[in-house]
Amino acid sequence: MKIKKDKSVFLEKFGDTPRLRVLDFLIGNHFFDFPITEIARGSNVSYNSLKAFFQQMIRDDFIIKTRRVGKSDFYKLNTENLFMKSLIKIDWLLTEKAISPKIKVVA
């Protein structure tokens, strides 16, 4: 596992693990869908590591399959899931706080 040099605020606060890297990547790109190989590459997680927990994330309804192109299935963050909505909100609050520490964040 490679450590990212410029970590997001999300990873700085919650830790730098493969699962959190995947969530961080998908939260940052929640409007788009990706094949598993691109999720692995974009999150800097090995394909084999990603495959070890990817199905669990689908079962937990954190990630949904959006379409199939050729032999590749595409997935994205399930923004309808209440937990994922909250995680996106937390990510934005952490980012706002890091950018402007004097701003009082109201939830």
PDB file of N, CA and C in Angstrom:
ATOM      1  N   MET A   1       0.846  -1.180   0.000  1.00  0.00           N
ATOM      2  CA  MET A   1       0.000   0.000   0.000  1.00  0.00           C
ATOM      3  C   MET A   1       0.887   1.236   0.000  1.00  0.00           C
ATOM      4  N   LYS A   2       0.658   2.121  -0.960  1.00  0.00           N
ATOM      5  CA  LYS A   2       1.407   3.360  -1.032  1.00  0.00           C
ATOM      6  C   LYS A   2       0.687   4.440  -0.231  1.00  0.00           C
ATOM      7  N   ILE A   3       1.458   5.236   0.484  1.00  0.00           N
ATOM      8  CA  ILE A   3       0.882   6.344   1.238  1.00  0.00           C
ATOM      9  C   ILE A   3       0.814   7.555   0.319  1.00  0.00           C
ATOM     10  N   LYS A   4      -0.353   8.177   0.245  1.00  0.00           N
ATOM     11  CA  LYS A   4      -0.502   9.372  -0.576  1.00  0.00           C
ATOM     12  C   LYS A   4       0.263  10.521   0.059  1.00  0.00           C
ATOM     13  N   LYS A   5       0.974  11.280  -0.775  1.00  0.00           N
ATOM     14  CA  LYS A   5       1.753  12.402  -0.256  1.00  0.00           C
ATOM     15  C   LYS A   5       0.858  13.548   0.181  1.00  0.00           C
ATOM     16  N   ASP A   6      -0.087  13.929  -0.657  1.00  0.00           N
ATOM     17  CA  ASP A   6      -0.986  15.022  -0.303  1.00  0.00           C
ATOM     18  C   ASP A   6      -2.368  14.437  -0.020  1.00  0.00           C
ATOM     19  N   LYS A   7      -2.568  14.084   1.232  1.00  0.00           N
ATOM     20  CA  LYS A   7      -3.817  13.461   1.662  1.00  0.00           C
ATOM     21  C   LYS A   7      -4.937  14.492   1.718  1.00  0.00           C
ATOM     22  N   SER A   8      -6.140  14.008   1.513  1.00  0.00           N
ATOM     23  CA  SER A   8      -7.303  14.861   1.692  1.00  0.00           C
ATOM     24  C   SER A   8      -7.532  15.059   3.188  1.00  0.00           C
ATOM     25  N   VAL A   9      -8.318  16.031   3.521  1.00  0.00           N
ATOM     26  CA  VAL A   9      -8.663  16.284   4.921  1.00  0.00           C
ATOM     27  C   VAL A   9      -9.384  15.055   5.489  1.00  0.00           C
ATOM     28  N   PHE A  10     -10.205  14.435   4.666  1.00  0.00           N
ATOM     29  CA  PHE A  10     -10.933  13.227   5.071  1.00  0.00           C
ATOM     30  C   PHE A  10      -9.966  12.151   5.545  1.00  0.00           C
ATOM     31  N   LEU A  11      -8.921  11.878   4.759  1.00  0.00           N
ATOM     32  CA  LEU A  11      -7.945  10.850   5.133  1.00  0.00           C
ATOM     33  C   LEU A  11      -7.084  11.279   6.316  1.00  0.00           C
ATOM     34  N   GLU A  12      -6.796  12.554   6.420  1.00  0.00           N
ATOM     35  CA  GLU A  12      -6.022  13.045   7.564  1.00  0.00           C
ATOM     36  C   GLU A  12      -6.781  12.830   8.867  1.00  0.00           C
ATOM     37  N   LYS A  13      -8.077  13.040   8.843  1.00  0.00           N
ATOM     38  CA  LYS A  13      -8.890  12.928  10.059  1.00  0.00           C
ATOM     39  C   LYS A  13      -9.267  11.490  10.412  1.00  0.00           C
ATOM     40  N   PHE A  14      -9.559  10.667   9.398  1.00  0.00           N
ATOM     41  CA  PHE A  14     -10.074   9.326   9.669  1.00  0.00           C
ATOM     42  C   PHE A  14      -9.055   8.210   9.473  1.00  0.00           C
ATOM     43  N   GLY A  15      -7.923   8.511   8.869  1.00  0.00           N
ATOM     44  CA  GLY A  15      -6.896   7.496   8.662  1.00  0.00           C
ATOM     45  C   GLY A  15      -6.734   7.152   7.195  1.00  0.00           C
ATOM     46  N   ASP A  16      -5.599   6.561   6.884  1.00  0.00           N
ATOM     47  CA  ASP A  16      -5.267   6.243   5.495  1.00  0.00           C
ATOM     48  C   ASP A  16      -5.281   4.729   5.316  1.00  0.00           C
ATOM     49  N   THR A  17      -6.471   4.181   5.109  1.00  0.00           N
ATOM     50  CA  THR A  17      -6.627   2.746   4.878  1.00  0.00           C
ATOM     51  C   THR A  17      -7.203   2.546   3.481  1.00  0.00           C
ATOM     52  N   PRO A  18      -7.069   1.360   2.909  1.00  0.00           N
ATOM     53  CA  PRO A  18      -7.615   1.130   1.568  1.00  0.00           C
ATOM     54  C   PRO A  18      -9.118   1.429   1.444  1.00  0.00           C
ATOM     55  N   ARG A  19      -9.901   1.007   2.414  1.00  0.00           N
ATOM     56  CA  ARG A  19     -11.351   1.280   2.347  1.00  0.00           C
ATOM     57  C   ARG A  19     -11.641   2.785   2.361  1.00  0.00           C
ATOM     58  N   LEU A  20     -10.947   3.486   3.242  1.00  0.00           N
ATOM     59  CA  LEU A  20     -11.174   4.925   3.329  1.00  0.00           C
ATOM     60  C   LEU A  20     -10.662   5.644   2.088  1.00  0.00           C
ATOM     61  N   ARG A  21      -9.593   5.154   1.482  1.00  0.00           N
ATOM     62  CA  ARG A  21      -9.114   5.742   0.228  1.00  0.00           C
ATOM     63  C   ARG A  21     -10.160   5.611  -0.867  1.00  0.00           C
ATOM     64  N   VAL A  22     -10.776   4.427  -0.926  1.00  0.00           N
ATOM     65  CA  VAL A  22     -11.820   4.201  -1.932  1.00  0.00           C
ATOM     66  C   VAL A  22     -12.995   5.136  -1.675  1.00  0.00           C
ATOM     67  N   LEU A  23     -13.432   5.225  -0.424  1.00  0.00           N
ATOM     68  CA  LEU A  23     -14.534   6.137  -0.104  1.00  0.00           C
ATOM     69  C   LEU A  23     -14.158   7.581  -0.412  1.00  0.00           C
ATOM     70  N   ASP A  24     -12.943   7.973  -0.073  1.00  0.00           N
ATOM     71  CA  ASP A  24     -12.481   9.333  -0.344  1.00  0.00           C
ATOM     72  C   ASP A  24     -12.508   9.625  -1.841  1.00  0.00           C
ATOM     73  N   PHE A  25     -12.020   8.695  -2.647  1.00  0.00           N
ATOM     74  CA  PHE A  25     -12.033   8.861  -4.099  1.00  0.00           C
ATOM     75  C   PHE A  25     -13.458   8.978  -4.623  1.00  0.00           C
ATOM     76  N   LEU A  26     -14.342   8.088  -4.169  1.00  0.00           N
ATOM     77  CA  LEU A  26     -15.721   8.101  -4.656  1.00  0.00           C
ATOM     78  C   LEU A  26     -16.503   9.314  -4.161  1.00  0.00           C
ATOM     79  N   ILE A  27     -16.208   9.778  -2.948  1.00  0.00           N
ATOM     80  CA  ILE A  27     -16.875  10.994  -2.459  1.00  0.00           C
ATOM     81  C   ILE A  27     -16.445  12.190  -3.304  1.00  0.00           C
ATOM     82  N   GLY A  28     -15.170  12.270  -3.604  1.00  0.00           N
ATOM     83  CA  GLY A  28     -14.667  13.373  -4.419  1.00  0.00           C
ATOM     84  C   GLY A  28     -15.158  13.339  -5.852  1.00  0.00           C
ATOM     85  N   ASN A  29     -15.610  12.188  -6.301  1.00  0.00           N
ATOM     86  CA  ASN A  29     -16.090  12.026  -7.680  1.00  0.00           C
ATOM     87  C   ASN A  29     -17.494  11.435  -7.696  1.00  0.00           C
ATOM     88  N   HIS A  30     -18.333  11.855  -6.751  1.00  0.00           N
ATOM     89  CA  HIS A  30     -19.628  11.190  -6.593  1.00  0.00           C
ATOM     90  C   HIS A  30     -20.612  11.415  -7.739  1.00  0.00           C
ATOM     91  N   PHE A  31     -20.282  12.290  -8.679  1.00  0.00           N
ATOM     92  CA  PHE A  31     -21.156  12.496  -9.833  1.00  0.00           C
ATOM     93  C   PHE A  31     -20.854  11.506 -10.959  1.00  0.00           C
ATOM     94  N   PHE A  32     -19.736  10.791 -10.851  1.00  0.00           N
ATOM     95  CA  PHE A  32     -19.266   9.938 -11.934  1.00  0.00           C
ATOM     96  C   PHE A  32     -19.270   8.467 -11.532  1.00  0.00           C
ATOM     97  N   ASP A  33     -19.290   7.598 -12.545  1.00  0.00           N
ATOM     98  CA  ASP A  33     -19.160   6.166 -12.300  1.00  0.00           C
ATOM     99  C   ASP A  33     -17.869   5.666 -12.936  1.00  0.00           C
ATOM    100  N   PHE A  34     -17.354   4.567 -12.395  1.00  0.00           N
ATOM    101  CA  PHE A  34     -16.054   4.052 -12.801  1.00  0.00           C
ATOM    102  C   PHE A  34     -16.062   2.531 -12.798  1.00  0.00           C
ATOM    103  N   PRO A  35     -15.222   1.926 -13.663  1.00  0.00           N
ATOM    104  CA  PRO A  35     -14.996   0.482 -13.525  1.00  0.00           C
ATOM    105  C   PRO A  35     -14.090   0.238 -12.319  1.00  0.00           C
ATOM    106  N   ILE A  36     -14.062  -0.986 -11.843  1.00  0.00           N
ATOM    107  CA  ILE A  36     -13.278  -1.306 -10.645  1.00  0.00           C
ATOM    108  C   ILE A  36     -11.810  -0.938 -10.818  1.00  0.00           C
ATOM    109  N   THR A  37     -11.265  -1.164 -12.002  1.00  0.00           N
ATOM    110  CA  THR A  37      -9.842  -0.857 -12.217  1.00  0.00           C
ATOM    111  C   THR A  37      -9.552   0.633 -12.041  1.00  0.00           C
ATOM    112  N   GLU A  38     -10.464   1.484 -12.480  1.00  0.00           N
ATOM    113  CA  GLU A  38     -10.271   2.933 -12.324  1.00  0.00           C
ATOM    114  C   GLU A  38     -10.455   3.368 -10.876  1.00  0.00           C
ATOM    115  N   ILE A  39     -11.346   2.716 -10.170  1.00  0.00           N
ATOM    116  CA  ILE A  39     -11.516   3.015  -8.743  1.00  0.00           C
ATOM    117  C   ILE A  39     -10.226   2.668  -8.003  1.00  0.00           C
ATOM    118  N   ALA A  40      -9.646   1.515  -8.333  1.00  0.00           N
ATOM    119  CA  ALA A  40      -8.385   1.104  -7.703  1.00  0.00           C
ATOM    120  C   ALA A  40      -7.283   2.106  -8.030  1.00  0.00           C
ATOM    121  N   ARG A  41      -7.154   2.475  -9.286  1.00  0.00           N
ATOM    122  CA  ARG A  41      -6.106   3.408  -9.713  1.00  0.00           C
ATOM    123  C   ARG A  41      -6.320   4.792  -9.088  1.00  0.00           C
ATOM    124  N   GLY A  42      -7.541   5.289  -9.135  1.00  0.00           N
ATOM    125  CA  GLY A  42      -7.841   6.625  -8.614  1.00  0.00           C
ATOM    126  C   GLY A  42      -7.693   6.745  -7.105  1.00  0.00           C
ATOM    127  N   SER A  43      -7.930   5.650  -6.407  1.00  0.00           N
ATOM    128  CA  SER A  43      -7.833   5.677  -4.947  1.00  0.00           C
ATOM    129  C   SER A  43      -6.475   5.202  -4.454  1.00  0.00           C
ATOM    130  N   ASN A  44      -5.602   4.808  -5.387  1.00  0.00           N
ATOM    131  CA  ASN A  44      -4.252   4.347  -5.049  1.00  0.00           C
ATOM    132  C   ASN A  44      -4.287   3.102  -4.157  1.00  0.00           C
ATOM    133  N   VAL A  45      -5.180   2.176  -4.528  1.00  0.00           N
ATOM    134  CA  VAL A  45      -5.333   0.906  -3.818  1.00  0.00           C
ATOM    135  C   VAL A  45      -5.111  -0.196  -4.852  1.00  0.00           C
ATOM    136  N   SER A  46      -4.418  -1.252  -4.479  1.00  0.00           N
ATOM    137  CA  SER A  46      -4.200  -2.337  -5.438  1.00  0.00           C
ATOM    138  C   SER A  46      -5.532  -2.989  -5.788  1.00  0.00           C
ATOM    139  N   TYR A  47      -5.591  -3.499  -7.004  1.00  0.00           N
ATOM    140  CA  TYR A  47      -6.807  -4.147  -7.483  1.00  0.00           C
ATOM    141  C   TYR A  47      -7.194  -5.312  -6.572  1.00  0.00           C
ATOM    142  N   ASN A  48      -6.210  -6.124  -6.177  1.00  0.00           N
ATOM    143  CA  ASN A  48      -6.498  -7.276  -5.307  1.00  0.00           C
ATOM    144  C   ASN A  48      -7.022  -6.851  -3.942  1.00  0.00           C
ATOM    145  N   SER A  49      -6.482  -5.776  -3.389  1.00  0.00           N
ATOM    146  CA  SER A  49      -6.987  -5.269  -2.105  1.00  0.00           C
ATOM    147  C   SER A  49      -8.423  -4.786  -2.261  1.00  0.00           C
ATOM    148  N   LEU A  50      -8.685  -4.081  -3.340  1.00  0.00           N
ATOM    149  CA  LEU A  50     -10.034  -3.566  -3.580  1.00  0.00           C
ATOM    150  C   LEU A  50     -11.032  -4.707  -3.724  1.00  0.00           C
ATOM    151  N   LYS A  51     -10.658  -5.746  -4.473  1.00  0.00           N
ATOM    152  CA  LYS A  51     -11.554  -6.881  -4.661  1.00  0.00           C
ATOM    153  C   LYS A  51     -11.885  -7.578  -3.340  1.00  0.00           C
ATOM    154  N   ALA A  52     -10.974  -7.483  -2.363  1.00  0.00           N
ATOM    155  CA  ALA A  52     -11.185  -8.145  -1.070  1.00  0.00           C
ATOM    156  C   ALA A  52     -12.368  -7.564  -0.305  1.00  0.00           C
ATOM    157  N   PHE A  53     -12.655  -6.277  -0.483  1.00  0.00           N
ATOM    158  CA  PHE A  53     -13.753  -5.669   0.285  1.00  0.00           C
ATOM    159  C   PHE A  53     -14.821  -5.001  -0.583  1.00  0.00           C
ATOM    160  N   PHE A  54     -14.661  -5.018  -1.894  1.00  0.00           N
ATOM    161  CA  PHE A  54     -15.591  -4.322  -2.778  1.00  0.00           C
ATOM    162  C   PHE A  54     -17.007  -4.887  -2.698  1.00  0.00           C
ATOM    163  N   GLN A  55     -17.134  -6.205  -2.714  1.00  0.00           N
ATOM    164  CA  GLN A  55     -18.468  -6.819  -2.655  1.00  0.00           C
ATOM    165  C   GLN A  55     -19.186  -6.478  -1.352  1.00  0.00           C
ATOM    166  N   GLN A  56     -18.434  -6.359  -0.260  1.00  0.00           N
ATOM    167  CA  GLN A  56     -19.039  -5.977   1.021  1.00  0.00           C
ATOM    168  C   GLN A  56     -19.591  -4.554   0.942  1.00  0.00           C
ATOM    169  N   MET A  57     -18.874  -3.666   0.259  1.00  0.00           N
ATOM    170  CA  MET A  57     -19.350  -2.285   0.110  1.00  0.00           C
ATOM    171  C   MET A  57     -20.628  -2.238  -0.738  1.00  0.00           C
ATOM    172  N   ILE A  58     -20.727  -3.142  -1.705  1.00  0.00           N
ATOM    173  CA  ILE A  58     -21.954  -3.231  -2.511  1.00  0.00           C
ATOM    174  C   ILE A  58     -23.093  -3.770  -1.640  1.00  0.00           C
ATOM    175  N   ARG A  59     -22.821  -4.829  -0.873  1.00  0.00           N
ATOM    176  CA  ARG A  59     -23.859  -5.390   0.014  1.00  0.00           C
ATOM    177  C   ARG A  59     -24.325  -4.372   1.047  1.00  0.00           C
ATOM    178  N   ASP A  60     -23.407  -3.546   1.527  1.00  0.00           N
ATOM    179  CA  ASP A  60     -23.759  -2.509   2.506  1.00  0.00           C
ATOM    180  C   ASP A  60     -24.482  -1.329   1.862  1.00  0.00           C
ATOM    181  N   ASP A  61     -24.625  -1.377   0.536  1.00  0.00           N
ATOM    182  CA  ASP A  61     -25.322  -0.342  -0.232  1.00  0.00           C
ATOM    183  C   ASP A  61     -24.558   0.984  -0.242  1.00  0.00           C
ATOM    184  N   PHE A  62     -23.231   0.927  -0.062  1.00  0.00           N
ATOM    185  CA  PHE A  62     -22.394   2.124  -0.145  1.00  0.00           C
ATOM    186  C   PHE A  62     -22.071   2.441  -1.600  1.00  0.00           C
ATOM    187  N   ILE A  63     -21.978   1.396  -2.411  1.00  0.00           N
ATOM    188  CA  ILE A  63     -21.637   1.519  -3.830  1.00  0.00           C
ATOM    189  C   ILE A  63     -22.718   0.808  -4.628  1.00  0.00           C
ATOM    190  N   ILE A  64     -23.070   1.388  -5.772  1.00  0.00           N
ATOM    191  CA  ILE A  64     -24.073   0.753  -6.630  1.00  0.00           C
ATOM    192  C   ILE A  64     -23.515   0.582  -8.042  1.00  0.00           C
ATOM    193  N   LYS A  65     -23.990  -0.456  -8.702  1.00  0.00           N
ATOM    194  CA  LYS A  65     -23.634  -0.686 -10.101  1.00  0.00           C
ATOM    195  C   LYS A  65     -24.532   0.203 -10.945  1.00  0.00           C
ATOM    196  N   THR A  66     -23.931   0.943 -11.871  1.00  0.00           N
ATOM    197  CA  THR A  66     -24.709   1.875 -12.679  1.00  0.00           C
ATOM    198  C   THR A  66     -24.953   1.394 -14.093  1.00  0.00           C
ATOM    199  N   ARG A  67     -23.950   0.719 -14.690  1.00  0.00           N
ATOM    200  CA  ARG A  67     -24.104   0.283 -16.070  1.00  0.00           C
ATOM    201  C   ARG A  67     -23.009  -0.724 -16.419  1.00  0.00           C
ATOM    202  N   ARG A  68     -23.146  -1.278 -17.614  1.00  0.00           N
ATOM    203  CA  ARG A  68     -22.146  -2.212 -18.137  1.00  0.00           C
ATOM    204  C   ARG A  68     -21.734  -1.725 -19.521  1.00  0.00           C
ATOM    205  N   VAL A  69     -20.429  -1.597 -19.733  1.00  0.00           N
ATOM    206  CA  VAL A  69     -19.896  -1.204 -21.032  1.00  0.00           C
ATOM    207  C   VAL A  69     -18.945  -2.304 -21.469  1.00  0.00           C
ATOM    208  N   GLY A  70     -19.318  -3.032 -22.500  1.00  0.00           N
ATOM    209  CA  GLY A  70     -18.515  -4.181 -22.919  1.00  0.00           C
ATOM    210  C   GLY A  70     -18.510  -5.216 -21.813  1.00  0.00           C
ATOM    211  N   LYS A  71     -17.313  -5.546 -21.333  1.00  0.00           N
ATOM    212  CA  LYS A  71     -17.190  -6.516 -20.237  1.00  0.00           C
ATOM    213  C   LYS A  71     -17.010  -5.844 -18.885  1.00  0.00           C
ATOM    214  N   SER A  72     -17.041  -4.532 -18.851  1.00  0.00           N
ATOM    215  CA  SER A  72     -16.778  -3.790 -17.611  1.00  0.00           C
ATOM    216  C   SER A  72     -18.063  -3.284 -16.973  1.00  0.00           C
ATOM    217  N   ASP A  73     -18.193  -3.547 -15.671  1.00  0.00           N
ATOM    218  CA  ASP A  73     -19.283  -2.978 -14.883  1.00  0.00           C
ATOM    219  C   ASP A  73     -18.792  -1.664 -14.294  1.00  0.00           C
ATOM    220  N   PHE A  74     -19.657  -0.669 -14.284  1.00  0.00           N
ATOM    221  CA  PHE A  74     -19.324   0.632 -13.719  1.00  0.00           C
ATOM    222  C   PHE A  74     -20.075   0.824 -12.410  1.00  0.00           C
ATOM    223  N   TYR A  75     -19.400   1.460 -11.453  1.00  0.00           N
ATOM    224  CA  TYR A  75     -19.947   1.661 -10.115  1.00  0.00           C
ATOM    225  C   TYR A  75     -19.771   3.107  -9.690  1.00  0.00           C
ATOM    226  N   LYS A  76     -20.610   3.523  -8.761  1.00  0.00           N
ATOM    227  CA  LYS A  76     -20.468   4.847  -8.174  1.00  0.00           C
ATOM    228  C   LYS A  76     -20.952   4.816  -6.732  1.00  0.00           C
ATOM    229  N   LEU A  77     -20.661   5.882  -6.024  1.00  0.00           N
ATOM    230  CA  LEU A  77     -21.110   6.015  -4.649  1.00  0.00           C
ATOM    231  C   LEU A  77     -22.629   6.110  -4.636  1.00  0.00           C
ATOM    232  N   ASN A  78     -23.267   5.423  -3.717  1.00  0.00           N
ATOM    233  CA  ASN A  78     -24.723   5.467  -3.612  1.00  0.00           C
ATOM    234  C   ASN A  78     -25.111   6.702  -2.806  1.00  0.00           C
ATOM    235  N   THR A  79     -25.407   7.783  -3.505  1.00  0.00           N
ATOM    236  CA  THR A  79     -25.734   9.044  -2.836  1.00  0.00           C
ATOM    237  C   THR A  79     -27.154   9.045  -2.271  1.00  0.00           C
ATOM    238  N   GLU A  80     -27.908   7.984  -2.490  1.00  0.00           N
ATOM    239  CA  GLU A  80     -29.239   7.860  -1.891  1.00  0.00           C
ATOM    240  C   GLU A  80     -29.169   7.210  -0.510  1.00  0.00           C
ATOM    241  N   ASN A  81     -28.047   6.582  -0.197  1.00  0.00           N
ATOM    242  CA  ASN A  81     -27.847   5.938   1.092  1.00  0.00           C
ATOM    243  C   ASN A  81     -27.644   7.018   2.152  1.00  0.00           C
ATOM    244  N   LEU A  82     -28.394   6.951   3.238  1.00  0.00           N
ATOM    245  CA  LEU A  82     -28.342   7.971   4.282  1.00  0.00           C
ATOM    246  C   LEU A  82     -26.938   8.115   4.883  1.00  0.00           C
ATOM    247  N   PHE A  83     -26.261   6.992   5.093  1.00  0.00           N
ATOM    248  CA  PHE A  83     -24.911   7.034   5.641  1.00  0.00           C
ATOM    249  C   PHE A  83     -23.959   7.737   4.677  1.00  0.00           C
ATOM    250  N   MET A  84     -24.077   7.444   3.387  1.00  0.00           N
ATOM    251  CA  MET A  84     -23.203   8.078   2.390  1.00  0.00           C
ATOM    252  C   MET A  84     -23.502   9.577   2.280  1.00  0.00           C
ATOM    253  N   LYS A  85     -24.774   9.943   2.369  1.00  0.00           N
ATOM    254  CA  LYS A  85     -25.134  11.367   2.359  1.00  0.00           C
ATOM    255  C   LYS A  85     -24.463  12.084   3.527  1.00  0.00           C
ATOM    256  N   SER A  86     -24.509  11.456   4.681  1.00  0.00           N
ATOM    257  CA  SER A  86     -23.894  12.042   5.875  1.00  0.00           C
ATOM    258  C   SER A  86     -22.382  12.117   5.740  1.00  0.00           C
ATOM    259  N   LEU A  87     -21.777  11.096   5.149  1.00  0.00           N
ATOM    260  CA  LEU A  87     -20.333  11.079   4.963  1.00  0.00           C
ATOM    261  C   LEU A  87     -19.885  12.173   3.991  1.00  0.00           C
ATOM    262  N   ILE A  88     -20.659  12.403   2.944  1.00  0.00           N
ATOM    263  CA  ILE A  88     -20.362  13.483   2.003  1.00  0.00           C
ATOM    264  C   ILE A  88     -20.444  14.824   2.725  1.00  0.00           C
ATOM    265  N   LYS A  89     -21.464  14.972   3.546  1.00  0.00           N
ATOM    266  CA  LYS A  89     -21.642  16.212   4.308  1.00  0.00           C
ATOM    267  C   LYS A  89     -20.467  16.439   5.266  1.00  0.00           C
ATOM    268  N   ILE A  90     -20.055  15.383   5.955  1.00  0.00           N
ATOM    269  CA  ILE A  90     -18.905  15.479   6.870  1.00  0.00           C
ATOM    270  C   ILE A  90     -17.649  15.856   6.105  1.00  0.00           C
ATOM    271  N   ASP A  91     -17.449  15.243   4.940  1.00  0.00           N
ATOM    272  CA  ASP A  91     -16.282  15.557   4.118  1.00  0.00           C
ATOM    273  C   ASP A  91     -16.264  17.040   3.746  1.00  0.00           C
ATOM    274  N   TRP A  92     -17.399  17.574   3.335  1.00  0.00           N
ATOM    275  CA  TRP A  92     -17.475  18.997   2.982  1.00  0.00           C
ATOM    276  C   TRP A  92     -17.237  19.889   4.196  1.00  0.00           C
ATOM    277  N   LEU A  93     -17.787  19.517   5.345  1.00  0.00           N
ATOM    278  CA  LEU A  93     -17.580  20.308   6.557  1.00  0.00           C
ATOM    279  C   LEU A  93     -16.106  20.327   6.959  1.00  0.00           C
ATOM    280  N   LEU A  94     -15.444  19.177   6.879  1.00  0.00           N
ATOM    281  CA  LEU A  94     -14.018  19.108   7.196  1.00  0.00           C
ATOM    282  C   LEU A  94     -13.195  19.956   6.227  1.00  0.00           C
ATOM    283  N   THR A  95     -13.555  19.895   4.960  1.00  0.00           N
ATOM    284  CA  THR A  95     -12.837  20.672   3.942  1.00  0.00           C
ATOM    285  C   THR A  95     -13.030  22.166   4.175  1.00  0.00           C
ATOM    286  N   GLU A  96     -14.263  22.581   4.432  1.00  0.00           N
ATOM    287  CA  GLU A  96     -14.531  24.000   4.700  1.00  0.00           C
ATOM    288  C   GLU A  96     -13.755  24.474   5.928  1.00  0.00           C
ATOM    289  N   LYS A  97     -13.741  23.662   6.950  1.00  0.00           N
ATOM    290  CA  LYS A  97     -13.035  24.008   8.188  1.00  0.00           C
ATOM    291  C   LYS A  97     -11.529  24.113   7.943  1.00  0.00           C
ATOM    292  N   ALA A  98     -10.975  23.235   7.120  1.00  0.00           N
ATOM    293  CA  ALA A  98      -9.541  23.257   6.824  1.00  0.00           C
ATOM    294  C   ALA A  98      -9.163  24.463   5.976  1.00  0.00           C
ATOM    295  N   ILE A  99     -10.048  24.857   5.080  1.00  0.00           N
ATOM    296  CA  ILE A  99      -9.765  25.996   4.199  1.00  0.00           C
ATOM    297  C   ILE A  99      -9.892  27.306   4.967  1.00  0.00           C
ATOM    298  N   SER A 100     -10.917  27.421   5.747  1.00  0.00           N
ATOM    299  CA  SER A 100     -11.170  28.648   6.496  1.00  0.00           C
ATOM    300  C   SER A 100     -11.411  28.308   7.967  1.00  0.00           C
ATOM    301  N   PRO A 101     -10.342  28.157   8.753  1.00  0.00           N
ATOM    302  CA  PRO A 101     -10.520  27.740  10.140  1.00  0.00           C
ATOM    303  C   PRO A 101     -11.291  28.730  11.003  1.00  0.00           C
ATOM    304  N   LYS A 102     -11.396  29.978  10.560  1.00  0.00           N
ATOM    305  CA  LYS A 102     -12.109  30.983  11.355  1.00  0.00           C
ATOM    306  C   LYS A 102     -13.612  30.964  11.114  1.00  0.00           C
ATOM    307  N   ILE A 103     -14.028  30.271  10.059  1.00  0.00           N
ATOM    308  CA  ILE A 103     -15.455  30.183   9.764  1.00  0.00           C
ATOM    309  C   ILE A 103     -16.100  29.203  10.726  1.00  0.00           C
ATOM    310  N   LYS A 104     -17.209  29.624  11.307  1.00  0.00           N
ATOM    311  CA  LYS A 104     -17.930  28.744  12.214  1.00  0.00           C
ATOM    312  C   LYS A 104     -18.878  27.890  11.369  1.00  0.00           C
ATOM    313  N   VAL A 105     -18.716  26.571  11.459  1.00  0.00           N
ATOM    314  CA  VAL A 105     -19.506  25.652  10.686  1.00  0.00           C
ATOM    315  C   VAL A 105     -20.801  25.357  11.431  1.00  0.00           C
ATOM    316  N   VAL A 106     -21.931  25.586  10.742  1.00  0.00           N
ATOM    317  CA  VAL A 106     -23.241  25.330  11.323  1.00  0.00           C
ATOM    318  C   VAL A 106     -23.836  24.139  10.587  1.00  0.00           C
ATOM    319  N   ALA A 107     -24.179  23.120  11.325  1.00  0.00           N
ATOM    320  CA  ALA A 107     -24.729  21.906  10.697  1.00  0.00           C
ATOM    321  C   ALA A 107     -26.226  21.921  10.720  1.00  0.00           C
TER     322      ALA A 107
END
